[in-house]
Amino acid sequence: MRFPLLPMWKVDSITELTPEILEEKGIKQKKVADDIGISPATMHEICKGTRKVEATEYFGICKSLGVSLDFFRDRMEKKEMMA
């Protein structure tokens, strides 16, 4: 069963911010991939922005990182305000 893709703000913010958050929390891409049931290669593609994120993957990434569903949007808005 396929789930819808996320709105573009979530795709942009997750692509830009996931590597940053992983580093801050000391978490490897492989751990997140294992947590949400995708391959490490797929997680790498998500982080690089070469693959769109499905809704279930987004929810899983947020859960694995211990952040709210609004975390990426809120963090992106803060970055844009500081620019």
Protein backbone atom coordinates (compact mmCIF):
# COMPACT_ATOMS: atom_id res chain seq x y z
CA MET A 1 0.00 0.00 0.00
CA ARG A 2 1.43 3.37 -1.02
CA PHE A 3 0.89 6.47 1.05
CA PRO A 4 0.76 10.03 -0.20
CA LEU A 5 3.85 12.13 -0.54
CA LEU A 6 4.33 15.00 1.85
CA PRO A 7 3.78 18.68 1.14
CA MET A 8 6.89 20.25 -0.38
CA TRP A 9 7.83 22.19 2.80
CA LYS A 10 8.25 18.91 4.63
CA VAL A 11 10.33 17.40 1.84
CA ASP A 12 12.61 20.44 1.66
CA SER A 13 12.99 20.78 5.40
CA ILE A 14 13.55 17.09 6.09
CA THR A 15 16.17 16.91 3.33
CA GLU A 16 17.99 19.96 4.61
CA LEU A 17 17.66 19.31 8.32
CA THR A 18 17.85 15.54 8.80
CA PRO A 19 21.66 15.30 8.45
CA GLU A 20 22.00 18.24 10.84
CA ILE A 21 19.69 16.65 13.43
CA LEU A 22 21.38 13.25 13.09
CA GLU A 23 24.72 14.86 13.85
CA GLU A 24 23.34 16.85 16.80
CA LYS A 25 21.80 13.73 18.33
CA GLY A 26 24.70 11.43 17.42
CA ILE A 27 22.41 9.10 15.48
CA LYS A 28 23.45 7.27 12.31
CA GLN A 29 21.30 7.16 9.17
CA LYS A 30 21.39 3.36 9.39
CA LYS A 31 19.72 3.38 12.81
CA VAL A 32 16.87 5.54 11.54
CA ALA A 33 16.55 3.37 8.43
CA ASP A 34 16.39 0.23 10.60
CA ASP A 35 13.86 1.88 12.94
CA ILE A 36 11.46 2.70 10.09
CA GLY A 37 12.04 -0.39 7.95
CA ILE A 38 13.81 1.09 4.94
CA SER A 39 17.23 0.38 3.54
CA PRO A 40 20.19 2.55 4.50
CA ALA A 41 20.48 3.45 0.79
CA THR A 42 16.90 4.76 0.79
CA MET A 43 17.57 6.80 3.93
CA HIS A 44 20.68 8.23 2.29
CA GLU A 45 18.61 9.23 -0.77
CA ILE A 46 16.08 10.97 1.50
CA CYS A 47 18.85 12.90 3.27
CA LYS A 48 20.42 13.90 -0.05
CA GLY A 49 17.08 14.99 -1.49
CA THR A 50 17.18 12.56 -4.41
CA ARG A 51 14.09 10.71 -3.18
CA LYS A 52 10.80 12.11 -1.97
CA VAL A 53 9.58 11.17 1.48
CA GLU A 54 6.36 9.23 1.95
CA ALA A 55 4.12 10.18 4.85
CA THR A 56 4.81 6.96 6.76
CA GLU A 57 8.55 7.51 6.38
CA TYR A 58 8.24 11.07 7.65
CA PHE A 59 6.30 9.89 10.71
CA GLY A 60 8.88 7.17 11.31
CA ILE A 61 11.81 9.54 10.97
CA CYS A 62 10.24 11.93 13.48
CA LYS A 63 9.58 9.07 15.89
CA SER A 64 13.08 7.65 15.50
CA LEU A 65 14.62 11.07 16.14
CA GLY A 66 12.30 11.76 19.07
CA VAL A 67 10.88 14.94 17.55
CA SER A 68 7.34 16.19 16.92
CA LEU A 69 5.74 16.08 13.48
CA ASP A 70 6.04 19.88 13.32
CA PHE A 71 9.71 19.89 14.29
CA PHE A 72 11.14 20.16 10.77
CA ARG A 73 8.72 22.90 9.71
CA ASP A 74 9.33 24.90 12.87
CA ARG A 75 13.10 24.53 12.63
CA MET A 76 13.06 25.54 8.95
CA GLU A 77 10.98 28.63 9.74
CA LYS A 78 13.49 29.63 12.44
CA LYS A 79 16.40 29.20 10.02
CA GLU A 80 14.65 31.33 7.41
CA MET A 81 13.96 34.08 9.97
CA MET A 82 17.63 34.16 10.93
CA ALA A 83 18.83 34.39 7.32
